Amino acid sequence: MRLVLSMVLAVMVSASAEAGGCFGKKASHCCSAPCVSTPCAVACEPAGTWEVVKRTVCVPETVVEKRTVDVCVPEWVEKSGTRKVCKTVVEEVDHKYKVMVPTCEEREGVKTVCKPVWVEKDVTCTVMVAHEEERNGVRHVCNVVPVVKKRKVCEDKGHWEERVVEHCVVARGCGKKKHCGNGCGTPCGGCTTTTVCKVWVPNLVETEVEYTCHETQVTTEPYTYKVTVCKPEQKTHKVRVCEYVKEEVPYKYHVTVCKEEERVCKVKVCRNEWVEEPYTWKECTWKHEKKEVDVHVCKMVQKEVECKVWHPAPCHVGHACPSCK
């Protein structure tokens, strides 16, 4: 496919070169309009005509064609044969083994035994004996003693006096008007009267007075008292003591002993044995066949196309352009 596209591109490039003359040497450097690239292009005036020309070009086209090809088709064939197979065979055999069987036996021995024996012995011990003793001491005694003391006392040494006191007296009948000089008159009537009464006049005098009180006084005095004191004394007395005496005594005892014993039992044993047996299998073989398939083919097809061709005018020889020759 790449080869076909490169061929088509080459044909199109050659056609455009022949049409315009830009890629060849047919056109002038400064007088042809499409190829103006020299510094004198400003001085030269483009002149020429365009012409439509029909040209035949090759165009790629994909066509489907039917072709016959060789194809490998898988074919399964069944075959048979023999093979060796390892099979497990179980057999019963006699198996001997040894067992330790416990057995009880009676044996004799000698053991040392401690027997208790009671014996009387003299034992000396210390005993605390109580004794009474007389001792002297000092003790505190509380006594109540009368004591004369002095204290200050306030005494009222006043006296009685007779004084005249005025007070209002209300009349018995209401409605009679009485007028007194001191203004005690009332609508119901009444005047003041004088009365003599006794009044106490106080006179406080502070004096010292003796009085007797009882006080507790502590005194010390000697006294005699008795005390019980325990003193140690050595005494001897007889005591029964238990002593242990060692003695050898024969005795019998039982012992469990394990003895070896042989026994027989049936045991299943597995044995591998090779055996030939027939078997079948399928084998894949390849078979060549012819088959028609569709193939995409690229072909070059001729086609007429229209293109414009530029015909340049001849250059002026007398023009001031040093590159036009």
Protein backbone atom coordinates (compact mmCIF):
# COMPACT_ATOMS: atom_id res chain seq x y z
CA MET A 1 0.00 0.00 0.00
CA ARG A 2 2.86 2.41 0.79
CA LEU A 3 4.46 1.64 -2.60
CA VAL A 4 1.24 2.57 -4.42
CA LEU A 5 0.86 5.87 -2.55
CA SER A 6 4.49 6.86 -3.29
CA MET A 7 3.95 6.19 -6.99
CA VAL A 8 0.81 8.36 -7.06
CA LEU A 9 2.67 11.21 -5.32
CA ALA A 10 5.51 11.07 -7.86
CA VAL A 11 3.09 11.27 -10.79
CA MET A 12 1.32 14.32 -9.30
CA VAL A 13 4.61 16.13 -8.68
CA SER A 14 5.77 15.55 -12.28
CA ALA A 15 2.44 16.80 -13.66
CA SER A 16 2.59 20.02 -11.66
CA ALA A 17 6.20 20.64 -12.74
CA GLU A 18 5.33 20.32 -16.42
CA ALA A 19 2.26 22.55 -16.00
CA GLY A 20 3.85 25.56 -14.28
CA GLY A 21 7.54 25.17 -14.98
CA CYS A 22 8.41 26.25 -11.48
CA PHE A 23 10.35 23.11 -10.58
CA GLY A 24 12.18 22.97 -13.94
CA LYS A 25 14.23 25.48 -15.95
CA LYS A 26 11.54 26.59 -18.46
CA ALA A 27 10.51 29.81 -16.67
CA SER A 28 12.64 32.90 -16.15
CA HIS A 29 13.99 33.84 -12.70
CA CYS A 30 12.43 37.29 -12.64
CA CYS A 31 9.75 37.45 -15.29
CA SER A 32 7.44 34.53 -14.48
CA ALA A 33 4.76 35.37 -11.93
CA PRO A 34 4.55 32.12 -10.02
CA CYS A 35 8.31 31.80 -9.46
CA VAL A 36 9.29 35.32 -8.45
CA SER A 37 11.91 34.95 -5.68
CA THR A 38 14.92 37.00 -6.80
CA PRO A 39 15.76 40.54 -5.59
CA CYS A 40 14.85 41.96 -9.02
CA ALA A 41 11.23 40.80 -8.72
CA VAL A 42 10.07 44.31 -7.86
CA ALA A 43 11.41 45.75 -11.12
CA CYS A 44 9.99 42.97 -13.34
CA GLU A 45 6.24 43.11 -14.05
CA PRO A 46 4.52 39.67 -14.18
CA ALA A 47 2.97 38.88 -17.58
CA GLY A 48 1.36 35.72 -18.92
CA THR A 49 -1.91 33.77 -19.21
CA TRP A 50 -3.54 30.78 -17.46
CA GLU A 51 -4.73 27.83 -19.60
CA VAL A 52 -7.03 24.96 -18.52
CA VAL A 53 -5.55 21.67 -19.75
CA LYS A 54 -6.95 18.09 -19.40
CA ARG A 55 -4.45 15.53 -18.20
CA THR A 56 -4.63 11.78 -17.57
CA VAL A 57 -3.48 10.65 -14.08
CA CYS A 58 -3.37 7.24 -12.35
CA VAL A 59 -5.62 6.97 -9.26
CA PRO A 60 -5.37 4.02 -6.77
CA GLU A 61 -8.58 1.98 -6.37
CA THR A 62 -9.24 -1.00 -4.04
CA VAL A 63 -10.89 -4.03 -5.71
CA VAL A 64 -12.13 -7.25 -4.04
CA GLU A 65 -10.93 -10.37 -5.89
CA LYS A 66 -11.58 -14.04 -5.21
CA ARG A 67 -8.47 -16.21 -4.90
CA THR A 68 -7.85 -19.89 -4.17
CA VAL A 69 -5.44 -20.50 -1.24
CA ASP A 70 -4.10 -23.58 0.63
CA VAL A 71 -5.49 -23.89 4.18
CA CYS A 72 -4.42 -26.30 6.99
CA VAL A 73 -7.50 -27.82 8.70
CA PRO A 74 -7.14 -29.73 12.04
CA GLU A 75 -8.46 -33.32 12.05
CA TRP A 76 -8.83 -35.50 15.19
CA VAL A 77 -7.97 -39.22 14.78
CA GLU A 78 -8.72 -41.83 17.47
CA LYS A 79 -5.84 -44.25 18.19
CA SER A 80 -5.44 -47.20 20.60
CA GLY A 81 -2.48 -48.82 22.40
CA THR A 82 -1.24 -50.33 25.68
CA ARG A 83 0.46 -48.73 28.67
CA LYS A 84 1.89 -49.75 32.06
CA VAL A 85 -0.05 -48.62 35.10
CA CYS A 86 1.09 -48.80 38.75
CA LYS A 87 -1.72 -50.25 40.87
CA THR A 88 -1.84 -50.60 44.67
CA VAL A 89 -2.51 -54.12 45.97
CA VAL A 90 -3.56 -54.65 49.65
CA GLU A 91 -2.48 -57.90 51.36
CA GLU A 92 -2.82 -59.25 54.91
CA VAL A 93 0.45 -60.48 56.52
CA ASP A 94 1.45 -61.69 60.02
CA HIS A 95 3.26 -59.04 62.04
CA LYS A 96 5.24 -59.89 65.19
CA TYR A 97 5.65 -57.26 67.89
CA LYS A 98 6.78 -57.09 71.51
CA VAL A 99 4.71 -55.72 74.40
CA MET A 100 5.69 -54.80 77.97
CA VAL A 101 3.13 -56.50 80.27
CA PRO A 102 2.94 -55.29 83.93
CA THR A 103 3.26 -58.11 86.51
CA CYS A 104 2.83 -57.83 90.29
CA GLU A 105 5.55 -59.53 92.44
CA GLU A 106 5.88 -59.94 96.24
CA ARG A 107 9.26 -59.14 97.79
CA GLU A 108 10.75 -59.09 101.34
CA GLY A 109 12.76 -56.33 102.95
CA VAL A 110 13.95 -54.80 106.28
CA LYS A 111 12.92 -51.36 107.49
CA THR A 112 13.95 -49.26 110.49
CA VAL A 113 11.10 -48.30 112.81
CA CYS A 114 11.16 -45.82 115.76
CA LYS A 115 9.24 -47.13 118.79
CA PRO A 116 8.14 -44.79 121.64
CA VAL A 117 9.47 -45.61 125.18
CA TRP A 118 8.34 -43.64 128.30
CA VAL A 119 11.13 -42.82 130.84
CA GLU A 120 11.05 -40.85 134.13
CA LYS A 121 13.73 -38.13 134.44
CA ASP A 122 14.63 -35.45 137.01
CA VAL A 123 14.15 -32.02 135.51
CA THR A 124 15.42 -28.80 137.15
CA CYS A 125 13.35 -25.72 136.37
CA THR A 126 13.16 -22.11 137.50
CA VAL A 127 9.90 -21.09 139.21
CA MET A 128 8.78 -17.53 140.03
CA VAL A 129 7.62 -17.50 143.74
CA ALA A 130 5.50 -14.60 145.02
CA HIS A 131 6.75 -12.66 148.15
CA GLU A 132 5.06 -9.75 149.96
CA GLU A 133 7.22 -6.65 150.72
CA GLU A 134 6.51 -3.42 152.61
CA ARG A 135 7.62 -0.17 150.95
CA ASN A 136 7.50 3.57 151.81
CA GLY A 137 6.18 6.28 149.49
CA VAL A 138 4.88 9.85 149.26
CA ARG A 139 1.38 10.75 148.15
CA HIS A 140 -0.56 13.95 147.41
CA VAL A 141 -3.62 14.71 149.61
CA CYS A 142 -6.33 17.31 148.82
CA ASN A 143 -7.79 19.21 151.84
CA VAL A 144 -10.62 21.83 151.89
CA VAL A 145 -9.52 24.83 154.08
CA PRO A 146 -11.67 27.92 154.97
CA VAL A 147 -10.03 31.19 153.87
CA VAL A 148 -11.10 34.79 154.77
CA LYS A 149 -11.04 37.20 151.83
CA LYS A 150 -12.13 40.78 151.15
CA ARG A 151 -14.28 42.13 148.34
CA LYS A 152 -15.81 45.48 147.34
CA VAL A 153 -19.60 45.84 147.69
CA CYS A 154 -21.88 48.73 146.57
CA GLU A 155 -24.39 49.68 149.33
CA ASP A 156 -27.37 52.02 148.83
CA LYS A 157 -27.49 54.36 151.82
CA GLY A 158 -30.41 56.50 150.62
CA HIS A 159 -33.39 58.02 152.48
CA TRP A 160 -37.10 58.79 152.03
CA GLU A 161 -38.31 62.34 151.23
CA GLU A 162 -41.83 63.84 151.19
CA ARG A 163 -42.67 65.70 147.95
CA VAL A 164 -45.78 67.64 146.76
CA VAL A 165 -47.13 66.50 143.43
CA GLU A 166 -49.89 68.22 141.32
CA HIS A 167 -52.42 66.26 139.29
CA CYS A 168 -55.78 66.96 137.52
CA VAL A 169 -59.14 66.00 139.04
CA VAL A 170 -62.13 65.41 136.69
CA ALA A 171 -65.54 66.70 137.73
CA ARG A 172 -68.37 64.29 138.41
CA GLY A 173 -71.04 65.92 136.22
CA CYS A 174 -70.49 66.47 132.52
CA GLY A 175 -71.72 69.72 130.87
CA LYS A 176 -70.63 72.18 133.52
CA LYS A 177 -67.84 74.50 132.53
CA LYS A 178 -65.18 75.30 135.07
CA HIS A 179 -62.27 77.57 134.44
CA CYS A 180 -59.04 77.15 136.33
CA GLY A 181 -56.11 79.42 136.24
CA ASN A 182 -53.61 76.76 135.15
CA GLY A 183 -55.50 75.71 132.02
CA CYS A 184 -56.67 72.30 133.21
CA GLY A 185 -60.31 73.14 132.65
CA THR A 186 -62.20 70.85 130.36
CA PRO A 187 -65.68 70.98 128.89
CA CYS A 188 -66.78 68.39 131.42
CA GLY A 189 -65.17 70.34 134.25
CA GLY A 190 -62.08 69.58 136.41
CA CYS A 191 -59.11 71.25 138.15
CA THR A 192 -55.64 70.33 139.62
CA THR A 193 -55.02 69.22 143.18
CA THR A 194 -51.79 68.72 145.20
CA THR A 195 -50.79 65.48 146.94
CA VAL A 196 -47.87 64.74 149.36
CA CYS A 197 -46.03 61.43 148.51
CA LYS A 198 -42.81 59.72 149.72
CA VAL A 199 -39.90 59.37 147.24
CA TRP A 200 -36.69 57.28 147.83
CA VAL A 201 -33.48 59.17 147.15
CA PRO A 202 -30.59 56.69 146.40
CA ASN A 203 -27.02 57.09 147.71
CA LEU A 204 -24.58 54.37 146.43
CA VAL A 205 -21.50 53.87 148.65
CA GLU A 206 -18.67 51.37 147.81
CA THR A 207 -17.25 49.52 150.89
CA GLU A 208 -14.91 46.54 151.57
CA VAL A 209 -16.49 43.49 153.20
CA GLU A 210 -14.80 40.34 154.57
CA TYR A 211 -16.18 36.93 153.59
CA THR A 212 -15.15 33.28 154.21
CA CYS A 213 -14.70 30.75 151.37
CA HIS A 214 -13.39 27.17 151.15
CA GLU A 215 -10.36 26.36 148.95
CA THR A 216 -8.78 23.00 147.99
CA GLN A 217 -5.12 22.70 148.96
CA VAL A 218 -2.78 19.82 147.87
CA THR A 219 -0.23 18.59 150.42
CA THR A 220 2.31 15.71 150.41
CA GLU A 221 2.53 13.12 153.16
CA PRO A 222 4.55 9.87 153.61
CA TYR A 223 2.78 6.48 153.75
CA THR A 224 3.60 2.72 153.85
CA TYR A 225 2.24 0.17 151.35
CA LYS A 226 2.68 -3.58 150.59
CA VAL A 227 3.86 -5.02 147.22
CA THR A 228 3.83 -8.64 145.92
CA VAL A 229 7.16 -9.44 144.17
CA CYS A 230 7.93 -12.64 142.20
CA LYS A 231 11.44 -14.05 142.75
CA PRO A 232 13.00 -16.93 140.75
CA GLU A 233 13.75 -20.19 142.57
CA GLN A 234 15.34 -23.47 141.35
CA LYS A 235 13.22 -26.61 141.83
CA THR A 236 13.71 -30.27 140.83
CA HIS A 237 10.86 -32.67 139.96
CA LYS A 238 10.34 -35.92 138.04
CA VAL A 239 8.86 -35.82 134.50
CA ARG A 240 7.83 -38.65 132.14
CA VAL A 241 9.60 -38.24 128.81
CA CYS A 242 8.82 -40.13 125.59
CA GLU A 243 11.95 -41.36 123.81
CA TYR A 244 12.09 -43.06 120.37
CA VAL A 245 14.23 -46.19 119.96
CA LYS A 246 15.26 -47.42 116.48
CA GLU A 247 14.49 -51.06 115.64
CA GLU A 248 14.83 -53.10 112.43
CA VAL A 249 11.65 -54.98 111.40
CA PRO A 250 11.23 -57.37 108.40
CA TYR A 251 8.28 -56.70 106.06
CA LYS A 252 6.80 -57.76 102.69
CA TYR A 253 5.87 -55.44 99.85
CA HIS A 254 4.48 -55.74 96.29
CA VAL A 255 6.27 -54.44 93.21
CA THR A 256 4.86 -54.01 89.66
CA VAL A 257 7.42 -55.20 87.08
CA CYS A 258 7.01 -54.89 83.28
CA LYS A 259 7.97 -58.08 81.41
CA GLU A 260 8.55 -58.37 77.66
CA GLU A 261 6.05 -60.55 75.72
CA GLU A 262 5.93 -61.37 71.98
CA ARG A 263 2.60 -61.26 70.12
CA VAL A 264 1.36 -61.77 66.51
CA CYS A 265 -1.30 -59.78 64.66
CA LYS A 266 -2.67 -59.41 61.13
CA VAL A 267 -1.62 -56.24 59.30
CA LYS A 268 -2.73 -54.94 55.91
CA VAL A 269 0.23 -54.05 53.66
CA CYS A 270 0.04 -52.00 50.45
CA ARG A 271 2.19 -53.15 47.50
CA ASN A 272 2.67 -51.38 44.13
CA GLU A 273 2.35 -53.61 41.05
CA TRP A 274 2.89 -52.61 37.38
CA VAL A 275 0.10 -53.85 35.02
CA GLU A 276 -0.35 -53.40 31.24
CA GLU A 277 -3.77 -52.17 30.17
CA PRO A 278 -5.22 -50.98 26.80
CA TYR A 279 -6.30 -47.37 26.30
CA THR A 280 -7.45 -45.03 23.47
CA TRP A 281 -6.54 -41.40 22.77
CA LYS A 282 -7.28 -38.70 20.19
CA GLU A 283 -4.49 -37.28 18.05
CA CYS A 284 -4.71 -34.02 16.08
CA THR A 285 -3.42 -34.09 12.43
CA TRP A 286 -3.31 -31.21 9.91
CA LYS A 287 -4.96 -31.64 6.50
CA HIS A 288 -4.26 -29.36 3.48
CA GLU A 289 -7.36 -28.05 1.65
CA LYS A 290 -8.00 -25.43 -1.07
CA LYS A 291 -10.36 -22.61 -0.20
CA GLU A 292 -11.67 -19.50 -2.01
CA VAL A 293 -11.19 -16.25 -0.07
CA ASP A 294 -11.86 -12.57 -0.74
CA VAL A 295 -8.65 -10.50 -1.15
CA HIS A 296 -8.52 -6.69 -1.29
CA VAL A 297 -6.22 -5.60 -4.17
CA CYS A 298 -5.10 -2.01 -4.95
CA LYS A 299 -5.02 -1.18 -8.69
CA MET A 300 -4.04 2.04 -10.55
CA VAL A 301 -6.92 3.38 -12.68
CA GLN A 302 -6.45 6.16 -15.29
CA LYS A 303 -8.56 9.29 -14.81
CA GLU A 304 -8.81 12.61 -16.69
CA VAL A 305 -8.49 15.75 -14.55
CA GLU A 306 -8.46 19.50 -15.37
CA CYS A 307 -5.55 21.70 -14.26
CA LYS A 308 -4.42 25.26 -14.83
CA VAL A 309 -1.12 25.93 -16.70
CA TRP A 310 0.67 29.27 -16.58
CA HIS A 311 2.17 30.56 -19.84
CA PRO A 312 4.68 33.32 -19.00
CA ALA A 313 5.43 36.26 -21.38
CA PRO A 314 9.00 36.72 -22.71
CA CYS A 315 11.37 38.99 -20.71
CA HIS A 316 12.24 42.52 -21.95
CA VAL A 317 15.93 42.63 -22.87
CA GLY A 318 16.35 46.39 -22.37
CA HIS A 319 14.94 46.38 -18.81
CA ALA A 320 17.29 47.33 -15.97
CA CYS A 321 17.52 43.92 -14.43
CA PRO A 322 20.98 42.42 -14.32
CA SER A 323 19.68 38.95 -13.47
CA CYS A 324 17.43 38.67 -16.59
CA LYS A 325 19.44 37.00 -19.33
